[in-house]
Amino acid sequence: MLKNSSSEINKTINIKNDNSIADISNSLNNLNLNKTTNRCTFCKKKVGYLGFSCKCGGNYCSAHRFYEDHACEKLDEVKQEGKDLILKLNPKVIGSKLTPI
C-alpha cells in the first residue's frame, strides 16, 4: 500500500510540474507578444521615447514624422480636415456697401 501511495504522489508531483512548466511558457509567450518595439515604421531606426505616432497607426522618427515624409495613406484626409478647419475658424468677412453721396 505504501508503494501505491508513493507512486500516486510521484504522478501528482509530475502533473503539477508539467502544469507549472506550461504556465511558465505561456506567461513567457504572453510577455513576448505584448512587447512593443520603438522603431520607425518607415526606416526601422530606433526612436526610443521620442517616437511620433501618426493617424495611420505608425510610429516614426523625427525625419519621417510628417505625413509627406513617410507617404502616409491618410494624407488626403488630413489635408481636407485642415482646409475644413481653416474655413470654419476664419469666416468670410463682407463689409457693408457705401452709399454714394
N, C-alpha and C. Protein backbone atom coordinates (compact mmCIF):
# COMPACT_ATOMS: atom_id res chain seq x y z
N MET A 1 0.81 -1.20 0.00
CA MET A 1 0.00 0.00 0.00
C MET A 1 0.86 1.26 0.00
N LEU A 2 1.98 1.21 0.63
CA LEU A 2 2.86 2.36 0.62
C LEU A 2 3.43 2.62 -0.77
N LYS A 3 3.71 1.55 -1.50
CA LYS A 3 4.26 1.73 -2.85
C LYS A 3 3.23 2.39 -3.76
N ASN A 4 1.98 2.03 -3.64
CA ASN A 4 0.94 2.64 -4.47
C ASN A 4 0.78 4.12 -4.13
N SER A 5 0.79 4.42 -2.85
CA SER A 5 0.61 5.82 -2.48
C SER A 5 1.80 6.66 -2.90
N SER A 6 3.01 6.12 -2.83
CA SER A 6 4.19 6.89 -3.25
C SER A 6 4.19 7.09 -4.76
N SER A 7 3.74 6.09 -5.52
CA SER A 7 3.67 6.27 -6.97
C SER A 7 2.60 7.28 -7.35
N GLU A 8 1.50 7.29 -6.59
CA GLU A 8 0.45 8.28 -6.84
C GLU A 8 0.97 9.68 -6.52
N ILE A 9 1.74 9.79 -5.46
CA ILE A 9 2.32 11.09 -5.11
C ILE A 9 3.26 11.55 -6.21
N ASN A 10 4.10 10.64 -6.71
CA ASN A 10 5.02 11.00 -7.79
C ASN A 10 4.27 11.44 -9.05
N LYS A 11 3.17 10.76 -9.37
CA LYS A 11 2.37 11.13 -10.53
C LYS A 11 1.79 12.53 -10.36
N THR A 12 1.26 12.79 -9.16
CA THR A 12 0.68 14.12 -8.94
C THR A 12 1.76 15.20 -8.97
N ILE A 13 2.95 14.88 -8.46
CA ILE A 13 4.05 15.85 -8.50
C ILE A 13 4.44 16.11 -9.95
N ASN A 14 4.54 15.07 -10.76
CA ASN A 14 4.88 15.25 -12.18
C ASN A 14 3.82 16.05 -12.90
N ILE A 15 2.56 15.79 -12.60
CA ILE A 15 1.48 16.55 -13.23
C ILE A 15 1.56 18.01 -12.84
N LYS A 16 1.81 18.28 -11.55
CA LYS A 16 1.93 19.67 -11.10
C LYS A 16 3.12 20.33 -11.75
N ASN A 17 4.26 19.62 -11.89
CA ASN A 17 5.42 20.20 -12.55
C ASN A 17 5.14 20.48 -14.02
N ASP A 18 4.45 19.58 -14.70
CA ASP A 18 4.11 19.80 -16.10
C ASP A 18 3.22 21.02 -16.26
N ASN A 19 2.24 21.18 -15.36
CA ASN A 19 1.36 22.34 -15.43
C ASN A 19 2.12 23.62 -15.15
N SER A 20 3.03 23.60 -14.21
CA SER A 20 3.76 24.82 -13.90
C SER A 20 4.69 25.19 -15.05
N ILE A 21 5.28 24.19 -15.71
CA ILE A 21 6.13 24.48 -16.87
C ILE A 21 5.29 25.06 -17.99
N ALA A 22 4.10 24.53 -18.20
CA ALA A 22 3.21 25.05 -19.24
C ALA A 22 2.77 26.47 -18.90
N ASP A 23 2.49 26.71 -17.62
CA ASP A 23 2.09 28.06 -17.21
C ASP A 23 3.23 29.04 -17.42
N ILE A 24 4.44 28.61 -17.09
CA ILE A 24 5.60 29.50 -17.28
C ILE A 24 5.82 29.79 -18.75
N SER A 25 5.73 28.77 -19.59
CA SER A 25 5.93 29.00 -21.02
C SER A 25 4.83 29.88 -21.60
N ASN A 26 3.60 29.71 -21.13
CA ASN A 26 2.50 30.57 -21.59
C ASN A 26 2.73 32.01 -21.18
N SER A 27 3.19 32.22 -19.96
CA SER A 27 3.42 33.59 -19.49
C SER A 27 4.58 34.22 -20.25
N LEU A 28 5.62 33.44 -20.58
CA LEU A 28 6.73 33.97 -21.37
C LEU A 28 6.27 34.33 -22.78
N ASN A 29 5.42 33.51 -23.37
CA ASN A 29 4.90 33.82 -24.71
C ASN A 29 4.06 35.09 -24.67
N ASN A 30 3.28 35.27 -23.61
CA ASN A 30 2.46 36.48 -23.49
C ASN A 30 3.34 37.70 -23.33
N LEU A 31 4.45 37.57 -22.62
CA LEU A 31 5.36 38.70 -22.47
C LEU A 31 5.97 39.08 -23.81
N ASN A 32 6.33 38.10 -24.63
CA ASN A 32 6.91 38.38 -25.93
C ASN A 32 5.89 39.00 -26.87
N LEU A 33 4.62 38.60 -26.78
CA LEU A 33 3.59 39.15 -27.65
C LEU A 33 3.26 40.58 -27.29
N ASN A 34 3.32 40.93 -26.01
CA ASN A 34 2.96 42.27 -25.57
C ASN A 34 4.12 43.25 -25.71
N LYS A 35 5.28 42.78 -26.09
CA LYS A 35 6.45 43.63 -26.22
C LYS A 35 6.30 44.52 -27.45
N THR A 36 6.45 45.81 -27.28
CA THR A 36 6.36 46.72 -28.41
C THR A 36 7.76 47.26 -28.71
N THR A 37 8.08 47.37 -29.96
CA THR A 37 9.37 47.90 -30.35
C THR A 37 9.20 49.37 -30.70
N ASN A 38 10.15 50.16 -30.28
CA ASN A 38 10.12 51.59 -30.57
C ASN A 38 11.04 51.86 -31.75
N ARG A 39 10.56 51.49 -32.92
CA ARG A 39 11.30 51.73 -34.16
C ARG A 39 10.43 52.47 -35.15
N CYS A 40 11.09 53.23 -35.99
CA CYS A 40 10.39 53.95 -37.05
C CYS A 40 9.80 52.94 -38.02
N THR A 41 8.54 53.10 -38.35
CA THR A 41 7.88 52.18 -39.27
C THR A 41 8.44 52.30 -40.68
N PHE A 42 8.97 53.46 -41.03
CA PHE A 42 9.47 53.70 -42.38
C PHE A 42 10.91 53.22 -42.57
N CYS A 43 11.82 53.63 -41.66
CA CYS A 43 13.24 53.32 -41.84
C CYS A 43 13.79 52.34 -40.81
N LYS A 44 12.97 51.89 -39.87
CA LYS A 44 13.35 50.92 -38.84
C LYS A 44 14.43 51.43 -37.89
N LYS A 45 14.59 52.73 -37.79
CA LYS A 45 15.56 53.32 -36.86
C LYS A 45 14.96 53.32 -35.46
N LYS A 46 15.79 53.09 -34.44
CA LYS A 46 15.30 53.12 -33.07
C LYS A 46 14.94 54.56 -32.71
N VAL A 47 13.75 54.74 -32.16
CA VAL A 47 13.32 56.09 -31.81
C VAL A 47 13.24 56.30 -30.31
N GLY A 48 13.33 55.25 -29.51
CA GLY A 48 13.29 55.40 -28.06
C GLY A 48 11.96 55.97 -27.60
N TYR A 49 12.04 56.93 -26.70
CA TYR A 49 10.82 57.55 -26.15
C TYR A 49 10.31 58.68 -27.03
N LEU A 50 11.08 59.06 -28.04
CA LEU A 50 10.76 60.24 -28.84
C LEU A 50 9.94 59.94 -30.08
N GLY A 51 9.44 58.73 -30.24
CA GLY A 51 8.70 58.37 -31.44
C GLY A 51 7.44 59.19 -31.63
N PHE A 52 7.15 59.54 -32.86
CA PHE A 52 5.96 60.31 -33.20
C PHE A 52 4.92 59.37 -33.77
N SER A 53 3.75 59.33 -33.17
CA SER A 53 2.69 58.46 -33.69
C SER A 53 1.87 59.23 -34.71
N CYS A 54 1.38 58.51 -35.70
CA CYS A 54 0.63 59.11 -36.80
C CYS A 54 -0.79 58.59 -36.78
N LYS A 55 -1.68 59.26 -37.50
CA LYS A 55 -3.07 58.82 -37.59
C LYS A 55 -3.20 57.51 -38.35
N CYS A 56 -2.20 57.18 -39.16
CA CYS A 56 -2.24 55.92 -39.89
C CYS A 56 -1.86 54.74 -39.01
N GLY A 57 -1.41 55.00 -37.79
CA GLY A 57 -1.11 53.93 -36.84
C GLY A 57 0.37 53.62 -36.71
N GLY A 58 1.21 54.27 -37.47
CA GLY A 58 2.64 54.01 -37.41
C GLY A 58 3.34 54.85 -36.37
N ASN A 59 4.55 54.45 -36.04
CA ASN A 59 5.41 55.18 -35.11
C ASN A 59 6.63 55.59 -35.90
N TYR A 60 6.98 56.89 -35.91
CA TYR A 60 8.01 57.39 -36.81
C TYR A 60 9.07 58.19 -36.08
N CYS A 61 10.28 58.25 -36.68
CA CYS A 61 11.38 59.04 -36.13
C CYS A 61 11.18 60.50 -36.52
N SER A 62 12.11 61.35 -36.07
CA SER A 62 11.96 62.78 -36.34
C SER A 62 12.10 63.11 -37.82
N ALA A 63 12.80 62.29 -38.58
CA ALA A 63 12.96 62.54 -40.01
C ALA A 63 11.70 62.20 -40.80
N HIS A 64 10.88 61.27 -40.30
CA HIS A 64 9.70 60.82 -41.03
C HIS A 64 8.40 61.11 -40.30
N ARG A 65 8.39 62.09 -39.43
CA ARG A 65 7.20 62.35 -38.62
C ARG A 65 6.09 63.04 -39.40
N PHE A 66 6.40 63.76 -40.45
CA PHE A 66 5.37 64.46 -41.21
C PHE A 66 4.72 63.51 -42.21
N TYR A 67 3.48 63.82 -42.57
CA TYR A 67 2.70 62.94 -43.44
C TYR A 67 3.38 62.73 -44.79
N GLU A 68 3.96 63.77 -45.35
CA GLU A 68 4.57 63.68 -46.67
C GLU A 68 5.85 62.85 -46.63
N ASP A 69 6.55 62.85 -45.49
CA ASP A 69 7.84 62.17 -45.41
C ASP A 69 7.73 60.65 -45.35
N HIS A 70 6.64 60.12 -44.86
CA HIS A 70 6.52 58.67 -44.79
C HIS A 70 5.42 58.13 -45.69
N ALA A 71 5.00 58.92 -46.67
CA ALA A 71 3.99 58.50 -47.65
C ALA A 71 2.75 57.96 -46.93
N CYS A 72 2.19 58.80 -46.09
CA CYS A 72 1.04 58.40 -45.27
C CYS A 72 -0.17 58.15 -46.15
N GLU A 73 -0.90 57.08 -45.83
CA GLU A 73 -2.10 56.74 -46.59
C GLU A 73 -3.26 57.66 -46.24
N LYS A 74 -3.15 58.40 -45.15
CA LYS A 74 -4.23 59.31 -44.74
C LYS A 74 -3.89 60.76 -45.05
N LEU A 75 -2.98 60.99 -45.96
CA LEU A 75 -2.54 62.34 -46.30
C LEU A 75 -3.70 63.18 -46.83
N ASP A 76 -4.50 62.62 -47.74
CA ASP A 76 -5.62 63.38 -48.32
C ASP A 76 -6.65 63.74 -47.26
N GLU A 77 -6.91 62.81 -46.33
CA GLU A 77 -7.88 63.07 -45.27
C GLU A 77 -7.39 64.19 -44.36
N VAL A 78 -6.11 64.18 -44.04
CA VAL A 78 -5.54 65.20 -43.15
C VAL A 78 -5.58 66.57 -43.81
N LYS A 79 -5.25 66.63 -45.09
CA LYS A 79 -5.30 67.90 -45.80
C LYS A 79 -6.72 68.46 -45.84
N GLN A 80 -7.70 67.59 -46.08
CA GLN A 80 -9.09 68.03 -46.13
C GLN A 80 -9.56 68.52 -44.76
N GLU A 81 -9.15 67.82 -43.69
CA GLU A 81 -9.51 68.26 -42.34
C GLU A 81 -8.93 69.63 -42.05
N GLY A 82 -7.69 69.87 -42.50
CA GLY A 82 -7.06 71.17 -42.30
C GLY A 82 -7.79 72.27 -43.05
N LYS A 83 -8.18 72.01 -44.28
CA LYS A 83 -8.92 73.01 -45.06
C LYS A 83 -10.27 73.33 -44.42
N ASP A 84 -10.96 72.28 -43.96
CA ASP A 84 -12.26 72.48 -43.31
C ASP A 84 -12.12 73.28 -42.03
N LEU A 85 -11.06 73.03 -41.27
CA LEU A 85 -10.82 73.76 -40.03
C LEU A 85 -10.54 75.23 -40.29
N ILE A 86 -9.76 75.51 -41.33
CA ILE A 86 -9.47 76.91 -41.68
C ILE A 86 -10.74 77.63 -42.09
N LEU A 87 -11.58 76.99 -42.90
CA LEU A 87 -12.83 77.61 -43.32
C LEU A 87 -13.76 77.85 -42.13
N LYS A 88 -13.76 76.95 -41.19
CA LYS A 88 -14.64 77.07 -40.03
C LYS A 88 -14.18 78.19 -39.10
N LEU A 89 -12.86 78.27 -38.88
CA LEU A 89 -12.33 79.26 -37.93
C LEU A 89 -12.21 80.66 -38.52
N ASN A 90 -12.16 80.77 -39.83
CA ASN A 90 -11.99 82.07 -40.49
C ASN A 90 -13.16 82.32 -41.44
N PRO A 91 -14.29 82.77 -40.91
CA PRO A 91 -15.42 83.03 -41.81
C PRO A 91 -15.13 84.22 -42.72
N LYS A 92 -15.80 84.25 -43.85
CA LYS A 92 -15.60 85.33 -44.80
C LYS A 92 -16.24 86.60 -44.26
N VAL A 93 -15.48 87.67 -44.26
CA VAL A 93 -15.97 88.95 -43.75
C VAL A 93 -16.38 89.81 -44.94
N ILE A 94 -17.64 90.24 -44.95
CA ILE A 94 -18.15 91.08 -46.02
C ILE A 94 -18.59 92.40 -45.39
N GLY A 95 -18.00 93.48 -45.86
CA GLY A 95 -18.35 94.79 -45.35
C GLY A 95 -19.61 95.33 -45.99
N SER A 96 -20.26 96.28 -45.30
CA SER A 96 -21.46 96.88 -45.88
C SER A 96 -21.06 97.84 -46.99
N LYS A 97 -21.92 97.93 -48.00
CA LYS A 97 -21.60 98.79 -49.13
C LYS A 97 -21.77 100.26 -48.74
N LEU A 98 -20.96 101.06 -49.34
CA LEU A 98 -21.05 102.50 -49.09
C LEU A 98 -22.14 103.11 -49.99
N THR A 99 -22.86 104.04 -49.42
CA THR A 99 -23.88 104.73 -50.22
C THR A 99 -23.23 105.93 -50.90
N PRO A 100 -23.54 106.12 -52.17
CA PRO A 100 -22.92 107.26 -52.88
C PRO A 100 -23.49 108.59 -52.37
N ILE A 101 -22.73 109.61 -52.38
CA ILE A 101 -23.15 110.93 -51.90
C ILE A 101 -23.79 111.74 -52.99
